[in-house]
Amino acid sequence: MITASFAAMMMAEQGATVTKVEPTDMGDPMRYIGTAKGGISALFANCNRGKRSVGINLKDAEGQALIRQMAVDADVVIHNFRPGVMDKLNLGSEQLRKDNPGLVYCAISGFGKHGPLGDAPAYDPVIQAHAGLTASQGTDSPVFIRNLICDKITAYTAIQAVTAALFVRERTSEGQHIDLSMLDSGLFFIFPDGYMNHTLLDDDVMQQPLLADLIYQLTSTKDGAITLSAGTDQQRASVLTALGREDMLSDPRFNSLEKLLVHMDEYREELADEFLKFATDDILERLKQHSVPAAKCHEYEEVLSQAQIVANETVQIREHPVMGKMRIIRSPARFSGERLPAGAHSPGHGEHTDTVLTDMGIDAEQLAAYRAAGVIL
């Protein structure tokens, strides 16, 4: 539910005209998941800005014909049905690209078209488990990243692939079929650092601790917690100076990186006791003075009100006609120094059905006939 929606929203924010096709009964199920107002969930609103919504019954032959007619003039079709579903709906890649050779058709699935899991349903936690994200959290037992990370990284992968295909089309006038799985996207995303110890295969490899075991440490203070990343000898020395523990620089257990790695647990235990002597703001100021990368572990509300977030103009508050006052996060990229404007509010279910179909040349009488037959919302 997330991948295609989020990918298409990013395309809309970058200037594409995006039409979201929803079932005629309840629409996109994401509309009803989580915190909501006016019958629209925050999750749906966060993934569907800037789109037009049409309600079309894809199980009806006339509904399928409407989609084929839409696709003739489209640049991109993107979906995340299981493999084979769109073919059964007479909306497969070969058929749509036969009528529109320049079409970029992006088919997102959980596991890919082939293999033992090709037809299996997939949600983010399932992909996290398969791709090894649950094994990468530096604990003795599997731990989930409590966020739809594989859904969203697949969306980013989709928009990158679609953009590349559109660039090729500009050069060749030829469209493209793109297959993309959440499993491959998740593994590709985590592999560079998460699989450092599973990349080099010769027997003489010098294996070192994972970055996750070195820099992703929560450090408790007198009144909270911080994180710091001391990745160089100078930064490690600066941490000890900020704590007033320069004596540890000459400790034979810690005075070289090789020795430090051997005695890392002892080193961390001694530092943990020192950090507990300082309030969060005090130790952060000391670390800042010594150029050590560090941060307070912020709560949600603190994140949104940070001076840096305000300076970046990342958060915008605006009024939704149904959902009321709401926050949105603007697209990260700046083009020629300017942040892109946020897309229009997420659409109501089937809000633009008549507009879109009228633009396709369908008159009011035919719209009424489609509606009476349950073809459209």
Protein backbone atom coordinates (compact mmCIF):
# COMPACT_ATOMS: atom_id res chain seq x y z
CA MET A 1 0.00 0.00 0.00
CA ILE A 2 2.87 2.40 0.73
CA THR A 3 5.43 1.86 -2.03
CA ALA A 4 3.58 2.97 -5.17
CA SER A 5 1.66 5.69 -3.32
CA PHE A 6 4.77 7.27 -1.82
CA ALA A 7 6.74 6.99 -5.06
CA ALA A 8 3.96 8.64 -7.07
CA MET A 9 3.65 11.41 -4.48
CA MET A 10 7.32 12.25 -4.88
CA MET A 11 6.77 12.42 -8.63
CA ALA A 12 3.81 14.74 -8.07
CA GLU A 13 5.92 17.01 -5.84
CA GLN A 14 8.44 17.25 -8.67
CA GLY A 15 5.83 18.36 -11.17
CA ALA A 16 4.13 15.24 -12.54
CA THR A 17 0.36 15.09 -13.02
CA VAL A 18 -0.53 11.97 -11.03
CA THR A 19 -3.85 10.14 -11.21
CA LYS A 20 -4.49 7.63 -8.42
CA VAL A 21 -6.90 4.86 -9.38
CA GLU A 22 -8.83 3.54 -6.38
CA PRO A 23 -11.42 0.78 -6.01
CA THR A 24 -15.01 1.99 -6.10
CA ASP A 25 -16.04 0.39 -2.80
CA MET A 26 -13.76 1.59 0.01
CA GLY A 27 -10.90 3.09 -1.95
CA ASP A 28 -7.28 2.73 -0.90
CA PRO A 29 -7.25 0.83 2.45
CA MET A 30 -4.53 3.21 3.61
CA ARG A 31 -7.26 5.82 4.04
CA TYR A 32 -8.37 4.01 7.21
CA ILE A 33 -5.07 3.09 8.90
CA GLY A 34 -4.04 5.00 12.01
CA THR A 35 -4.79 8.50 13.28
CA ALA A 36 -7.52 10.10 11.19
CA LYS A 37 -9.97 12.96 10.89
CA GLY A 38 -12.84 13.36 8.47
CA GLY A 39 -12.45 9.78 7.30
CA ILE A 40 -8.88 10.32 6.05
CA SER A 41 -5.84 8.96 7.88
CA ALA A 42 -2.67 10.95 8.41
CA LEU A 43 -0.76 8.09 6.74
CA PHE A 44 -2.84 8.41 3.58
CA ALA A 45 -2.48 12.19 3.57
CA ASN A 46 1.30 11.91 3.99
CA CYS A 47 1.64 9.60 0.97
CA ASN A 48 -0.86 11.11 -1.48
CA ARG A 49 -0.37 14.86 -1.75
CA GLY A 50 -0.70 16.43 -5.16
CA LYS A 51 -2.72 13.63 -6.78
CA ARG A 52 -6.07 13.29 -8.48
CA SER A 53 -8.24 10.37 -7.34
CA VAL A 54 -10.56 8.44 -9.64
CA GLY A 55 -12.76 5.56 -8.53
CA ILE A 56 -12.85 2.81 -11.18
CA ASN A 57 -13.88 -0.83 -10.85
CA LEU A 58 -10.91 -2.72 -12.29
CA LYS A 59 -12.82 -6.01 -12.17
CA ASP A 60 -15.28 -4.65 -14.73
CA ALA A 61 -14.37 -4.90 -18.44
CA GLU A 62 -15.51 -1.33 -19.06
CA GLY A 63 -13.44 -0.12 -16.12
CA GLN A 64 -10.39 -1.88 -17.56
CA ALA A 65 -11.05 -0.24 -20.91
CA LEU A 66 -11.06 3.17 -19.23
CA ILE A 67 -7.63 2.48 -17.72
CA ARG A 68 -6.27 1.35 -21.08
CA GLN A 69 -7.59 4.57 -22.60
CA MET A 70 -5.89 6.58 -19.83
CA ALA A 71 -2.60 4.75 -20.36
CA VAL A 72 -2.44 5.69 -24.04
CA ASP A 73 -1.52 9.26 -23.06
CA ALA A 74 0.43 8.44 -19.89
CA ASP A 75 4.18 8.65 -19.38
CA VAL A 76 4.27 6.24 -16.44
CA VAL A 77 2.12 3.49 -14.96
CA ILE A 78 3.13 2.32 -11.50
CA HIS A 79 1.44 -0.37 -9.37
CA ASN A 80 2.21 -2.71 -6.50
CA PHE A 81 -0.09 -5.66 -7.14
CA ARG A 82 1.31 -9.15 -6.82
CA PRO A 83 2.89 -10.56 -10.02
CA GLY A 84 0.24 -11.56 -12.57
CA VAL A 85 -2.66 -9.56 -11.13
CA MET A 86 -2.48 -6.77 -13.69
CA ASP A 87 -2.34 -9.32 -16.52
CA LYS A 88 -5.53 -10.91 -15.20
CA LEU A 89 -7.10 -7.45 -15.24
CA ASN A 90 -6.07 -7.04 -18.89
CA LEU A 91 -3.78 -4.20 -17.83
CA GLY A 92 -0.41 -5.90 -18.11
CA SER A 93 2.77 -4.26 -19.32
CA GLU A 94 2.81 -5.81 -22.78
CA GLN A 95 -0.75 -4.77 -23.52
CA LEU A 96 -0.41 -1.19 -22.30
CA ARG A 97 2.98 -0.69 -23.95
CA LYS A 98 1.68 -2.10 -27.25
CA ASP A 99 -0.82 0.76 -27.32
CA ASN A 100 1.74 3.27 -25.98
CA PRO A 101 5.33 2.25 -26.92
CA GLY A 102 6.77 5.18 -24.96
CA LEU A 103 5.16 4.09 -21.68
CA VAL A 104 7.33 3.44 -18.62
CA TYR A 105 5.60 0.61 -16.73
CA CYS A 106 6.84 0.01 -13.16
CA ALA A 107 5.63 -3.15 -11.43
CA ILE A 108 6.45 -3.33 -7.71
CA SER A 109 6.09 -6.60 -5.82
CA GLY A 110 7.17 -8.03 -2.51
CA PHE A 111 9.63 -10.66 -3.68
CA GLY A 112 9.87 -10.50 -7.48
CA LYS A 113 8.17 -12.33 -10.34
CA HIS A 114 9.87 -15.71 -9.89
CA GLY A 115 11.08 -18.02 -7.15
CA PRO A 116 9.32 -19.76 -4.25
CA LEU A 117 7.95 -16.51 -2.79
CA GLY A 118 6.88 -14.90 -6.06
CA ASP A 119 3.18 -15.09 -5.17
CA ALA A 120 3.58 -14.46 -1.43
CA PRO A 121 2.02 -11.40 0.21
CA ALA A 122 4.47 -8.91 1.68
CA TYR A 123 4.40 -6.21 4.29
CA ASP A 124 7.30 -4.19 5.61
CA PRO A 125 8.08 -6.35 8.69
CA VAL A 126 8.14 -9.46 6.51
CA ILE A 127 10.66 -7.86 4.15
CA GLN A 128 12.75 -6.57 7.07
CA ALA A 129 13.05 -10.14 8.29
CA HIS A 130 13.92 -11.55 4.85
CA ALA A 131 16.45 -8.82 3.99
CA GLY A 132 18.30 -8.97 7.31
CA LEU A 133 17.30 -5.62 8.75
CA THR A 134 16.14 -7.41 11.90
CA ALA A 135 19.62 -8.98 12.22
CA SER A 136 21.44 -5.67 11.81
CA GLN A 137 20.40 -3.87 15.00
CA GLY A 138 23.39 -4.91 17.11
CA THR A 139 21.45 -7.02 19.59
CA ASP A 140 21.55 -10.70 20.48
CA SER A 141 18.05 -11.28 19.13
CA PRO A 142 16.24 -9.95 16.03
CA VAL A 143 14.86 -6.42 16.38
CA PHE A 144 12.62 -4.57 13.95
CA ILE A 145 13.21 -1.02 12.79
CA ARG A 146 9.84 0.28 13.95
CA ASN A 147 9.18 2.17 10.76
CA LEU A 148 8.01 1.24 7.26
CA ILE A 149 11.57 1.50 6.01
CA CYS A 150 11.46 -1.19 3.30
CA ASP A 151 8.22 0.20 1.91
CA LYS A 152 9.72 3.65 1.66
CA ILE A 153 13.16 2.70 0.34
CA THR A 154 11.39 0.71 -2.37
CA ALA A 155 9.45 3.87 -3.22
CA TYR A 156 12.68 5.85 -3.55
CA THR A 157 14.16 3.05 -5.68
CA ALA A 158 11.06 3.12 -7.88
CA ILE A 159 11.19 6.85 -8.54
CA GLN A 160 14.92 6.65 -9.34
CA ALA A 161 14.34 3.79 -11.78
CA VAL A 162 11.38 5.52 -13.40
CA THR A 163 13.35 8.76 -13.78
CA ALA A 164 16.23 6.84 -15.39
CA ALA A 165 13.78 5.16 -17.79
CA LEU A 166 12.26 8.51 -18.70
CA PHE A 167 15.74 9.85 -19.43
CA VAL A 168 16.43 6.89 -21.74
CA ARG A 169 13.10 7.56 -23.46
CA GLU A 170 14.16 11.14 -24.09
CA ARG A 171 17.22 9.77 -25.89
CA THR A 172 15.61 6.81 -27.71
CA SER A 173 11.82 7.44 -27.71
CA GLU A 174 11.42 3.92 -26.28
CA GLY A 175 9.48 3.08 -23.13
CA GLN A 176 10.50 0.51 -20.57
CA HIS A 177 9.20 -2.24 -18.32
CA ILE A 178 10.60 -2.09 -14.78
CA ASP A 179 10.27 -4.93 -12.27
CA LEU A 180 11.14 -3.98 -8.71
CA SER A 181 10.84 -6.02 -5.52
CA MET A 182 10.80 -4.84 -1.93
CA LEU A 183 13.17 -7.67 -1.01
CA ASP A 184 15.83 -6.63 -3.52
CA SER A 185 15.41 -2.96 -2.63
CA GLY A 186 15.73 -3.64 1.10
CA LEU A 187 18.81 -5.82 0.69
CA PHE A 188 20.49 -3.36 -1.70
CA PHE A 189 19.82 -0.57 0.81
CA ILE A 190 21.25 -2.30 3.87
CA PHE A 191 24.11 -4.16 2.19
CA PRO A 192 26.97 -1.57 1.99
CA ASP A 193 27.48 -1.32 5.75
CA GLY A 194 25.12 -3.94 7.17
CA TYR A 195 26.82 -6.76 5.27
CA MET A 196 30.43 -5.57 5.55
CA ASN A 197 31.39 -8.87 7.18
CA HIS A 198 29.66 -10.87 4.45
CA THR A 199 31.18 -9.15 1.42
CA LEU A 200 34.83 -10.31 1.28
CA LEU A 201 35.01 -14.08 0.88
CA ASP A 202 38.71 -15.03 0.98
CA ASP A 203 40.17 -16.80 4.01
CA ASP A 204 42.71 -14.05 4.80
CA VAL A 205 40.17 -11.27 5.32
CA MET A 206 40.80 -9.09 8.39
CA GLN A 207 37.34 -8.80 9.89
CA GLN A 208 36.54 -5.72 11.98
CA PRO A 209 33.51 -4.73 14.06
CA LEU A 210 30.53 -3.41 12.15
CA LEU A 211 30.01 0.33 12.11
CA ALA A 212 26.73 -0.31 13.92
CA ASP A 213 28.68 -1.79 16.83
CA LEU A 214 31.05 1.19 16.99
CA ILE A 215 28.99 4.33 16.47
CA TYR A 216 25.34 3.55 17.19
CA GLN A 217 25.48 3.76 20.95
CA LEU A 218 22.99 5.46 23.21
CA THR A 219 24.81 7.34 25.95
CA SER A 220 22.89 8.14 29.12
CA THR A 221 23.39 11.45 30.90
CA LYS A 222 22.22 12.75 34.26
CA ASP A 223 18.88 13.84 32.78
CA GLY A 224 18.49 12.13 29.42
CA ALA A 225 20.47 10.58 26.58
CA ILE A 226 22.73 11.62 23.73
CA THR A 227 24.48 9.98 20.83
CA LEU A 228 27.98 10.80 19.67
CA SER A 229 30.16 9.55 16.82
CA ALA A 230 33.88 9.68 17.51
CA GLY A 231 35.22 8.07 14.36
CA THR A 232 38.81 9.35 14.43
CA ASP A 233 41.66 9.30 16.94
CA GLN A 234 41.33 13.08 17.32
CA GLN A 235 37.61 12.85 18.04
CA ARG A 236 38.10 10.05 20.55
CA ALA A 237 40.73 12.14 22.32
CA SER A 238 38.37 15.12 22.26
CA VAL A 239 35.64 13.07 23.97
CA LEU A 240 38.02 12.23 26.82
CA THR A 241 39.10 15.88 27.07
CA ALA A 242 35.46 17.04 27.20
CA LEU A 243 34.84 14.60 30.04
CA GLY A 244 37.98 15.59 31.91
CA ARG A 245 39.43 12.11 31.49
CA GLU A 246 42.61 12.86 29.55
CA ASP A 247 44.31 10.24 31.74
CA MET A 248 42.63 7.54 29.67
CA LEU A 249 44.67 8.66 26.64
CA SER A 250 47.75 7.02 28.15
CA ASP A 251 45.96 3.98 29.55
CA PRO A 252 47.74 0.96 27.98
CA ARG A 253 44.35 -0.63 27.32
CA PHE A 254 43.15 2.24 25.15
CA ASN A 255 46.20 4.08 23.73
CA SER A 256 45.91 2.61 20.22
CA LEU A 257 42.95 1.70 18.03
CA GLU A 258 43.98 -1.96 18.03
CA LYS A 259 44.06 -2.11 21.84
CA LEU A 260 40.87 -0.09 22.11
CA LEU A 261 38.97 -2.58 19.97
CA VAL A 262 40.16 -5.43 22.22
CA HIS A 263 39.08 -3.58 25.39
CA MET A 264 36.02 -1.80 23.96
CA ASP A 265 33.62 -3.07 26.66
CA GLU A 266 35.85 -1.76 29.47
CA TYR A 267 36.31 1.55 27.66
CA ARG A 268 32.57 2.04 27.27
CA GLU A 269 31.89 1.14 30.89
CA GLU A 270 34.31 3.78 32.15
CA LEU A 271 32.90 6.42 29.82
CA ALA A 272 29.32 5.55 30.75
CA ASP A 273 30.03 6.42 34.38
CA GLU A 274 31.59 9.74 33.34
CA PHE A 275 28.66 10.81 31.16
CA LEU A 276 26.25 10.22 34.04
CA LYS A 277 27.97 13.08 35.89
CA PHE A 278 26.76 15.64 33.31
CA ALA A 279 23.40 17.07 32.34
CA THR A 280 22.58 16.65 28.65
CA ASP A 281 22.94 20.30 27.68
CA ASP A 282 26.22 20.66 29.57
CA ILE A 283 27.97 17.71 27.97
CA LEU A 284 26.66 18.59 24.52
CA GLU A 285 28.18 22.06 24.86
CA ARG A 286 31.51 20.55 25.92
CA LEU A 287 31.48 18.10 23.00
CA LYS A 288 30.59 20.93 20.60
CA GLN A 289 33.55 22.99 21.85
CA HIS A 290 35.80 20.04 21.01
CA SER A 291 34.21 19.43 17.57
CA VAL A 292 32.79 16.03 18.45
CA PRO A 293 29.67 15.10 16.42
CA ALA A 294 26.93 14.63 19.02
CA ALA A 295 23.22 15.16 19.48
CA LYS A 296 20.49 14.93 22.04
CA CYS A 297 18.06 12.09 21.34
CA HIS A 298 15.01 14.23 20.67
CA GLU A 299 11.37 13.39 21.25
CA TYR A 300 8.98 13.88 18.32
CA GLU A 301 7.85 17.38 19.27
CA GLU A 302 11.44 18.47 19.90
CA VAL A 303 12.46 17.23 16.45
CA LEU A 304 9.83 19.34 14.73
CA SER A 305 10.73 22.51 16.65
CA GLN A 306 14.51 22.32 16.26
CA ALA A 307 16.13 25.55 15.14
CA GLN A 308 17.82 23.77 12.23
CA ILE A 309 14.53 22.31 10.98
CA VAL A 310 13.00 25.78 11.20
CA ALA A 311 15.94 27.30 9.32
CA ASN A 312 15.59 24.67 6.58
CA GLU A 313 11.86 25.51 6.26
CA THR A 314 11.16 21.78 6.25
CA VAL A 315 7.91 21.74 8.22
CA GLN A 316 4.84 23.54 6.95
CA ILE A 317 1.49 23.90 8.70
CA ARG A 318 -1.58 24.38 6.58
CA GLU A 319 -5.34 23.91 6.69
CA HIS A 320 -6.91 20.85 5.06
CA PRO A 321 -10.56 21.30 4.06
CA VAL A 322 -11.56 18.07 5.82
CA MET A 323 -8.72 17.13 8.16
CA GLY A 324 -8.21 20.62 9.60
CA LYS A 325 -4.84 22.01 10.63
CA MET A 326 -2.01 19.63 9.76
CA ARG A 327 1.76 19.47 9.44
CA ILE A 328 3.44 18.48 6.22
CA ILE A 329 7.10 17.80 5.49
CA ARG A 330 8.32 19.42 2.30
CA SER A 331 10.27 17.53 -0.36
CA PRO A 332 13.96 17.46 0.65
CA ALA A 333 15.63 18.42 -2.65
CA ARG A 334 16.31 22.04 -3.49
CA PHE A 335 16.44 22.92 -7.18
CA SER A 336 18.45 26.06 -8.01
CA GLY A 337 18.47 26.78 -4.30
CA GLU A 338 14.69 26.65 -3.95
CA ARG A 339 12.53 24.18 -2.06
CA LEU A 340 9.71 22.76 -4.18
CA PRO A 341 6.21 23.83 -3.11
CA ALA A 342 4.23 21.11 -1.39
CA GLY A 343 1.60 19.41 -3.52
CA ALA A 344 -2.12 19.98 -3.15
CA HIS A 345 -4.00 18.26 -0.35
CA SER A 346 -4.48 14.50 -0.63
CA PRO A 347 -7.65 13.83 -2.62
CA GLY A 348 -10.99 12.53 -1.44
CA HIS A 349 -12.00 9.08 -2.64
CA GLY A 350 -12.89 9.47 -6.32
CA GLU A 351 -12.82 13.26 -6.01
CA HIS A 352 -11.60 13.76 -9.58
CA THR A 353 -13.38 10.92 -11.38
CA ASP A 354 -15.64 13.17 -13.45
CA THR A 355 -12.88 15.70 -14.18
CA VAL A 356 -10.39 13.13 -15.40
CA LEU A 357 -12.89 11.19 -17.51
CA THR A 358 -14.37 14.36 -18.98
CA ASP A 359 -10.86 15.42 -20.02
CA MET A 360 -10.66 12.07 -21.83
CA GLY A 361 -13.70 13.03 -23.90
CA ILE A 362 -16.38 11.11 -21.99
CA ASP A 363 -19.64 13.06 -21.86
CA ALA A 364 -22.06 13.46 -18.96
CA GLU A 365 -24.51 10.88 -20.30
CA GLN A 366 -21.82 8.21 -20.54
CA LEU A 367 -20.54 9.10 -17.06
CA ALA A 368 -24.04 8.58 -15.69
CA ALA A 369 -24.29 5.24 -17.45
CA TYR A 370 -20.91 4.11 -16.05
CA ARG A 371 -21.95 5.20 -12.58
CA ALA A 372 -25.29 3.39 -12.75
CA ALA A 373 -23.47 0.20 -13.83
CA GLY A 374 -20.94 0.41 -10.99
CA VAL A 375 -18.02 0.99 -13.33
CA ILE A 376 -17.01 4.26 -11.66
CA LEU A 377 -17.56 5.86 -8.27
